[in-house]
């Protein structure tokens, strides 16, 4: 199961997570994002014990996107121990 994250829950869900976190930045008008949605959900179901999968709606979290330099969608960021380790 994916976790919905916004600016108010970012620190708790991502930076303080005891598991690695994959964050999916998506938008409701982003066709590639919507096409990837089933695969992201499958990833969360399959690896949920070892990996937290979080989703950020970029259309309602613009400031968070700017802070993290997320400039295009879809964007995936991987975090371990609260630090970004990979970006796609």
Protein backbone atom coordinates (compact mmCIF):
# COMPACT_ATOMS: atom_id res chain seq x y z
CA UNK A 1 0.00 0.00 0.00
CA UNK A 2 1.28 3.45 -0.87
CA UNK A 3 1.36 6.32 1.59
CA UNK A 4 0.11 9.74 0.51
CA UNK A 5 2.59 12.40 1.60
CA UNK A 6 2.39 16.18 1.61
CA UNK A 7 4.48 18.98 3.10
CA UNK A 8 3.01 18.42 6.57
CA UNK A 9 3.81 14.70 6.67
CA UNK A 10 7.07 14.72 4.68
CA UNK A 11 9.42 14.68 7.66
CA UNK A 12 7.60 11.89 9.49
CA UNK A 13 6.91 9.64 6.50
CA UNK A 14 10.14 10.13 4.53
CA UNK A 15 12.93 11.65 6.58
CA UNK A 16 12.19 9.72 9.78
CA UNK A 17 11.22 6.43 8.14
CA UNK A 18 12.86 3.28 9.48
CA UNK A 19 12.71 1.78 5.97
CA UNK A 20 14.01 3.05 2.64
CA UNK A 21 11.40 5.19 0.89
CA UNK A 22 10.57 5.51 -2.81
CA UNK A 23 8.64 8.72 -3.45
CA UNK A 24 6.52 9.01 -6.59
CA UNK A 25 5.90 12.63 -7.60
CA UNK A 26 2.89 12.58 -9.88
CA UNK A 27 0.12 14.82 -11.17
CA UNK A 28 -3.55 14.19 -12.02
CA UNK A 29 -3.04 15.60 -15.54
CA UNK A 30 0.19 13.67 -16.19
CA UNK A 31 -0.67 10.79 -18.53
CA UNK A 32 2.63 8.92 -17.99
CA UNK A 33 2.09 9.25 -14.21
CA UNK A 34 -1.38 7.75 -14.46
CA UNK A 35 -0.12 4.91 -16.66
CA UNK A 36 2.58 4.08 -14.09
CA UNK A 37 0.11 4.05 -11.20
CA UNK A 38 -0.66 0.29 -11.36
CA UNK A 39 3.04 -0.59 -11.41
CA UNK A 40 3.75 1.70 -8.46
CA UNK A 41 0.93 0.04 -6.51
CA UNK A 42 2.29 -3.42 -7.40
CA UNK A 43 5.74 -2.38 -6.24
CA UNK A 44 4.27 -1.23 -2.92
CA UNK A 45 2.37 -4.50 -2.48
CA UNK A 46 5.34 -6.69 -3.34
CA UNK A 47 8.06 -4.86 -1.36
CA UNK A 48 5.96 -3.18 1.33
CA UNK A 49 7.72 -4.97 4.19
CA UNK A 50 11.15 -3.69 3.14
CA UNK A 51 10.34 -0.50 1.23
CA UNK A 52 7.88 2.31 1.90
CA UNK A 53 6.32 3.63 -1.29
CA UNK A 54 4.99 7.18 -0.97
CA UNK A 55 3.14 9.41 -3.40
CA UNK A 56 3.18 13.19 -3.65
CA UNK A 57 0.59 14.99 -5.76
CA UNK A 58 2.76 17.68 -7.31
CA UNK A 59 -0.25 19.82 -8.27
CA UNK A 60 -1.09 20.43 -4.61
CA UNK A 61 2.47 20.40 -3.22
CA UNK A 62 4.32 22.86 -5.43
CA UNK A 63 6.50 24.31 -2.67
CA UNK A 64 7.68 20.84 -1.65
CA UNK A 65 8.49 20.07 -5.30
CA UNK A 66 10.49 23.27 -5.63
CA UNK A 67 12.37 22.59 -2.40
CA UNK A 68 13.31 19.12 -3.66
CA UNK A 69 14.02 20.37 -7.20
CA UNK A 70 11.34 18.17 -8.74
CA UNK A 71 10.88 19.96 -12.05
CA UNK A 72 9.15 17.36 -14.21
CA UNK A 73 6.69 14.51 -13.83
CA UNK A 74 6.80 11.71 -13.18
CA UNK A 75 9.80 11.88 -10.86
CA UNK A 76 10.89 9.19 -8.43
CA UNK A 77 13.20 9.93 -5.49
CA UNK A 78 14.73 7.20 -3.32
CA UNK A 79 15.59 7.97 0.31
CA UNK A 80 17.55 5.98 2.85
CA UNK A 81 17.90 7.21 6.43
CA UNK A 82 16.24 10.46 5.39
CA UNK A 83 18.79 11.24 2.66
CA UNK A 84 18.12 11.21 -1.08
CA UNK A 85 20.21 8.46 -2.66
CA UNK A 86 18.77 8.22 -6.18
CA UNK A 87 16.61 10.23 -8.56
CA UNK A 88 14.79 9.10 -11.69
